[in-house]
Amino acid sequence: MDFSSEKYKAIRGYFDQEGKISHFPGKRQKKKQALILEFLAEKFETGKSYSEIKVNEILNQFHSFKDPATLRRLMFGQKLLDRTLDGRKYWKVEKA
């Protein structure tokens, strides 16, 4: 994780020594939550379709608190990822 970037300085304390997210900001820290979700969204390729299992695998590479389902749902809720109605396919939402 490159924390020299101004963009991610505010969330530096949420990463462990291995560069993985060690914990998630509390409910009142919406900006930090959004930054972490944005960081995770950068790990997905635009235009590529992912299974739920693959999304979980990717998310698990970048956090250590073992809750990919919550992260996946939050990313969907923030419109960073979209999915089919049955949840079988996910894809990164293109920013306009």
N, C-alpha and C. Protein backbone atom coordinates (compact mmCIF):
# COMPACT_ATOMS: atom_id res chain seq x y z
N MET A 1 0.85 -1.19 0.00
CA MET A 1 0.00 0.00 0.00
C MET A 1 0.88 1.23 0.00
N ASP A 2 0.66 2.11 -0.94
CA ASP A 2 1.44 3.34 -1.04
C ASP A 2 0.71 4.46 -0.32
N PHE A 3 1.18 4.77 0.90
CA PHE A 3 0.53 5.82 1.68
C PHE A 3 1.13 7.19 1.41
N SER A 4 2.07 7.27 0.48
CA SER A 4 2.59 8.58 0.12
C SER A 4 1.52 9.35 -0.66
N SER A 5 0.58 8.62 -1.24
CA SER A 5 -0.53 9.23 -1.94
C SER A 5 -1.43 9.91 -0.92
N GLU A 6 -1.74 11.16 -1.14
CA GLU A 6 -2.62 11.92 -0.24
C GLU A 6 -3.97 11.24 -0.10
N LYS A 7 -4.41 10.61 -1.15
CA LYS A 7 -5.74 10.01 -1.18
C LYS A 7 -5.96 9.02 -0.04
N TYR A 8 -4.95 8.22 0.29
CA TYR A 8 -5.13 7.15 1.26
C TYR A 8 -4.47 7.41 2.62
N LYS A 9 -3.93 8.59 2.84
CA LYS A 9 -3.28 8.87 4.13
C LYS A 9 -4.24 8.74 5.30
N ALA A 10 -5.48 9.10 5.12
CA ALA A 10 -6.47 9.07 6.22
C ALA A 10 -6.78 7.66 6.70
N ILE A 11 -6.48 6.65 5.89
CA ILE A 11 -6.81 5.27 6.29
C ILE A 11 -5.57 4.44 6.61
N ARG A 12 -4.45 5.07 6.71
CA ARG A 12 -3.18 4.38 6.97
C ARG A 12 -3.27 3.47 8.20
N GLY A 13 -3.92 3.92 9.25
CA GLY A 13 -4.01 3.17 10.50
C GLY A 13 -4.87 1.92 10.43
N TYR A 14 -5.55 1.71 9.33
CA TYR A 14 -6.42 0.54 9.19
C TYR A 14 -5.71 -0.64 8.53
N PHE A 15 -4.43 -0.47 8.22
CA PHE A 15 -3.67 -1.52 7.56
C PHE A 15 -2.62 -2.10 8.51
N ASP A 16 -2.42 -3.42 8.40
CA ASP A 16 -1.40 -4.07 9.22
C ASP A 16 -0.04 -3.99 8.52
N GLN A 17 0.95 -4.63 9.11
CA GLN A 17 2.31 -4.58 8.57
C GLN A 17 2.43 -5.28 7.22
N GLU A 18 1.49 -6.18 6.93
CA GLU A 18 1.50 -6.89 5.65
C GLU A 18 0.79 -6.10 4.56
N GLY A 19 0.24 -4.94 4.91
CA GLY A 19 -0.47 -4.12 3.93
C GLY A 19 -1.91 -4.52 3.73
N LYS A 20 -2.44 -5.33 4.66
CA LYS A 20 -3.85 -5.74 4.58
C LYS A 20 -4.68 -4.90 5.54
N ILE A 21 -5.93 -4.70 5.18
CA ILE A 21 -6.85 -3.98 6.06
C ILE A 21 -7.09 -4.87 7.28
N SER A 22 -6.78 -4.33 8.46
CA SER A 22 -6.88 -5.14 9.68
C SER A 22 -8.23 -4.97 10.38
N HIS A 23 -8.87 -3.84 10.16
CA HIS A 23 -10.19 -3.59 10.75
C HIS A 23 -10.89 -2.52 9.92
N PHE A 24 -12.19 -2.44 10.09
CA PHE A 24 -13.01 -1.53 9.28
C PHE A 24 -13.46 -0.36 10.14
N PRO A 25 -13.46 0.85 9.58
CA PRO A 25 -13.89 2.03 10.35
C PRO A 25 -15.32 1.89 10.87
N GLY A 26 -15.59 2.53 11.98
CA GLY A 26 -16.93 2.50 12.58
C GLY A 26 -17.96 3.25 11.75
N LYS A 27 -19.22 3.10 12.14
CA LYS A 27 -20.34 3.67 11.40
C LYS A 27 -20.25 5.18 11.21
N ARG A 28 -19.66 5.88 12.14
CA ARG A 28 -19.59 7.34 12.05
C ARG A 28 -18.45 7.83 11.16
N GLN A 29 -17.64 6.94 10.68
CA GLN A 29 -16.49 7.32 9.86
C GLN A 29 -16.74 7.00 8.39
N LYS A 30 -17.78 7.61 7.85
CA LYS A 30 -18.23 7.32 6.48
C LYS A 30 -17.15 7.60 5.43
N LYS A 31 -16.38 8.69 5.61
CA LYS A 31 -15.36 9.02 4.61
C LYS A 31 -14.26 7.97 4.59
N LYS A 32 -13.87 7.49 5.76
CA LYS A 32 -12.83 6.46 5.82
C LYS A 32 -13.36 5.14 5.28
N GLN A 33 -14.62 4.82 5.58
CA GLN A 33 -15.22 3.62 5.01
C GLN A 33 -15.20 3.70 3.49
N ALA A 34 -15.60 4.85 2.96
CA ALA A 34 -15.65 5.02 1.51
C ALA A 34 -14.26 4.89 0.88
N LEU A 35 -13.23 5.42 1.55
CA LEU A 35 -11.86 5.31 1.03
C LEU A 35 -11.40 3.85 1.00
N ILE A 36 -11.70 3.12 2.03
CA ILE A 36 -11.30 1.70 2.06
C ILE A 36 -12.02 0.93 0.96
N LEU A 37 -13.31 1.19 0.80
CA LEU A 37 -14.06 0.50 -0.26
C LEU A 37 -13.54 0.88 -1.64
N GLU A 38 -13.16 2.14 -1.80
CA GLU A 38 -12.59 2.60 -3.07
C GLU A 38 -11.25 1.90 -3.33
N PHE A 39 -10.44 1.79 -2.28
CA PHE A 39 -9.16 1.07 -2.38
C PHE A 39 -9.40 -0.37 -2.86
N LEU A 40 -10.40 -1.02 -2.28
CA LEU A 40 -10.71 -2.40 -2.66
C LEU A 40 -11.25 -2.48 -4.09
N ALA A 41 -12.05 -1.51 -4.49
CA ALA A 41 -12.62 -1.51 -5.84
C ALA A 41 -11.53 -1.42 -6.90
N GLU A 42 -10.41 -0.79 -6.56
CA GLU A 42 -9.29 -0.68 -7.50
C GLU A 42 -8.67 -2.04 -7.82
N LYS A 43 -8.98 -3.05 -7.04
CA LYS A 43 -8.42 -4.38 -7.24
C LYS A 43 -9.20 -5.18 -8.30
N PHE A 44 -10.29 -4.61 -8.79
CA PHE A 44 -11.12 -5.27 -9.79
C PHE A 44 -10.95 -4.57 -11.14
N GLU A 45 -11.00 -5.36 -12.21
CA GLU A 45 -10.85 -4.82 -13.56
C GLU A 45 -12.21 -4.37 -14.10
N THR A 46 -12.26 -3.21 -14.68
CA THR A 46 -13.46 -2.73 -15.34
C THR A 46 -13.73 -3.60 -16.57
N GLY A 47 -14.98 -3.97 -16.77
CA GLY A 47 -15.36 -4.76 -17.93
C GLY A 47 -15.24 -6.26 -17.74
N LYS A 48 -14.78 -6.68 -16.57
CA LYS A 48 -14.62 -8.11 -16.30
C LYS A 48 -15.72 -8.56 -15.34
N SER A 49 -16.22 -9.77 -15.55
CA SER A 49 -17.26 -10.35 -14.71
C SER A 49 -16.62 -11.31 -13.71
N TYR A 50 -17.10 -11.28 -12.48
CA TYR A 50 -16.55 -12.12 -11.41
C TYR A 50 -17.67 -12.92 -10.74
N SER A 51 -17.36 -14.14 -10.36
CA SER A 51 -18.30 -14.91 -9.54
C SER A 51 -18.21 -14.39 -8.11
N GLU A 52 -19.21 -14.72 -7.30
CA GLU A 52 -19.17 -14.31 -5.91
C GLU A 52 -17.94 -14.89 -5.21
N ILE A 53 -17.61 -16.12 -5.54
CA ILE A 53 -16.44 -16.77 -4.94
C ILE A 53 -15.17 -16.03 -5.31
N LYS A 54 -15.05 -15.62 -6.57
CA LYS A 54 -13.85 -14.89 -7.01
C LYS A 54 -13.77 -13.52 -6.33
N VAL A 55 -14.91 -12.84 -6.19
CA VAL A 55 -14.92 -11.55 -5.49
C VAL A 55 -14.39 -11.75 -4.07
N ASN A 56 -14.88 -12.78 -3.39
CA ASN A 56 -14.43 -13.07 -2.04
C ASN A 56 -12.93 -13.35 -2.00
N GLU A 57 -12.43 -14.12 -2.97
CA GLU A 57 -11.00 -14.43 -3.03
C GLU A 57 -10.17 -13.16 -3.16
N ILE A 58 -10.60 -12.26 -4.04
CA ILE A 58 -9.87 -11.01 -4.24
C ILE A 58 -9.90 -10.17 -2.96
N LEU A 59 -11.08 -10.03 -2.37
CA LEU A 59 -11.20 -9.24 -1.14
C LEU A 59 -10.34 -9.84 -0.02
N ASN A 60 -10.31 -11.16 0.08
CA ASN A 60 -9.53 -11.81 1.14
C ASN A 60 -8.03 -11.57 1.02
N GLN A 61 -7.57 -11.22 -0.18
CA GLN A 61 -6.15 -10.91 -0.37
C GLN A 61 -5.78 -9.58 0.27
N PHE A 62 -6.77 -8.73 0.52
CA PHE A 62 -6.48 -7.36 0.96
C PHE A 62 -7.05 -7.00 2.32
N HIS A 63 -7.60 -7.99 3.04
CA HIS A 63 -8.03 -7.73 4.41
C HIS A 63 -7.79 -8.97 5.26
N SER A 64 -7.65 -8.75 6.57
CA SER A 64 -7.32 -9.86 7.45
C SER A 64 -8.39 -10.15 8.50
N PHE A 65 -9.55 -9.49 8.40
CA PHE A 65 -10.57 -9.71 9.42
C PHE A 65 -11.65 -10.69 8.97
N LYS A 66 -11.43 -11.36 7.87
CA LYS A 66 -12.24 -12.51 7.41
C LYS A 66 -13.74 -12.23 7.28
N ASP A 67 -14.07 -11.15 6.59
CA ASP A 67 -15.49 -10.86 6.36
C ASP A 67 -15.71 -10.31 4.95
N PRO A 68 -15.43 -11.14 3.92
CA PRO A 68 -15.59 -10.65 2.55
C PRO A 68 -17.05 -10.36 2.21
N ALA A 69 -17.99 -11.06 2.84
CA ALA A 69 -19.41 -10.85 2.52
C ALA A 69 -19.84 -9.42 2.87
N THR A 70 -19.43 -8.94 4.02
CA THR A 70 -19.77 -7.56 4.41
C THR A 70 -19.12 -6.57 3.47
N LEU A 71 -17.86 -6.77 3.14
CA LEU A 71 -17.18 -5.85 2.22
C LEU A 71 -17.86 -5.86 0.85
N ARG A 72 -18.21 -7.04 0.39
CA ARG A 72 -18.88 -7.17 -0.91
C ARG A 72 -20.22 -6.42 -0.91
N ARG A 73 -21.00 -6.62 0.15
CA ARG A 73 -22.29 -5.92 0.25
C ARG A 73 -22.11 -4.41 0.33
N LEU A 74 -21.13 -3.97 1.09
CA LEU A 74 -20.88 -2.52 1.20
C LEU A 74 -20.45 -1.93 -0.15
N MET A 75 -19.62 -2.66 -0.88
CA MET A 75 -19.18 -2.19 -2.20
C MET A 75 -20.36 -2.12 -3.16
N PHE A 76 -21.26 -3.08 -3.07
CA PHE A 76 -22.47 -3.05 -3.89
C PHE A 76 -23.34 -1.86 -3.47
N GLY A 77 -23.50 -1.66 -2.19
CA GLY A 77 -24.30 -0.55 -1.69
C GLY A 77 -23.75 0.82 -2.07
N GLN A 78 -22.43 0.92 -2.18
CA GLN A 78 -21.79 2.18 -2.58
C GLN A 78 -21.66 2.32 -4.09
N LYS A 79 -22.23 1.36 -4.81
CA LYS A 79 -22.22 1.35 -6.27
C LYS A 79 -20.79 1.30 -6.86
N LEU A 80 -19.94 0.57 -6.15
CA LEU A 80 -18.60 0.31 -6.66
C LEU A 80 -18.58 -1.01 -7.43
N LEU A 81 -19.41 -1.95 -6.98
CA LEU A 81 -19.64 -3.20 -7.68
C LEU A 81 -21.13 -3.31 -7.97
N ASP A 82 -21.45 -3.93 -9.09
CA ASP A 82 -22.84 -4.24 -9.38
C ASP A 82 -22.93 -5.75 -9.53
N ARG A 83 -24.16 -6.27 -9.57
CA ARG A 83 -24.33 -7.71 -9.65
C ARG A 83 -25.64 -8.06 -10.34
N THR A 84 -25.74 -9.30 -10.74
CA THR A 84 -26.99 -9.81 -11.27
C THR A 84 -27.96 -9.96 -10.10
N LEU A 85 -29.25 -10.06 -10.38
CA LEU A 85 -30.26 -10.20 -9.33
C LEU A 85 -30.02 -11.42 -8.45
N ASP A 86 -29.52 -12.51 -9.04
CA ASP A 86 -29.28 -13.72 -8.25
C ASP A 86 -27.92 -13.71 -7.54
N GLY A 87 -27.12 -12.67 -7.77
CA GLY A 87 -25.83 -12.55 -7.09
C GLY A 87 -24.74 -13.46 -7.61
N ARG A 88 -24.96 -14.06 -8.77
CA ARG A 88 -23.97 -15.00 -9.30
C ARG A 88 -22.81 -14.29 -10.01
N LYS A 89 -23.05 -13.12 -10.55
CA LYS A 89 -22.02 -12.39 -11.28
C LYS A 89 -21.91 -10.97 -10.74
N TYR A 90 -20.68 -10.53 -10.58
CA TYR A 90 -20.36 -9.17 -10.12
C TYR A 90 -19.44 -8.51 -11.13
N TRP A 91 -19.47 -7.19 -11.17
CA TRP A 91 -18.55 -6.44 -12.02
C TRP A 91 -18.35 -5.07 -11.41
N LYS A 92 -17.20 -4.49 -11.75
CA LYS A 92 -16.85 -3.16 -11.27
C LYS A 92 -17.68 -2.12 -12.02
N VAL A 93 -18.22 -1.17 -11.30
CA VAL A 93 -19.01 -0.11 -11.91
C VAL A 93 -18.05 0.94 -12.46
N GLU A 94 -18.26 1.32 -13.71
CA GLU A 94 -17.43 2.36 -14.32
C GLU A 94 -17.87 3.72 -13.80
N LYS A 95 -16.89 4.52 -13.40
CA LYS A 95 -17.18 5.88 -12.94
C LYS A 95 -17.30 6.79 -14.14
N ALA A 96 -18.35 7.60 -14.14
CA ALA A 96 -18.60 8.50 -15.27
C ALA A 96 -17.69 9.71 -15.23
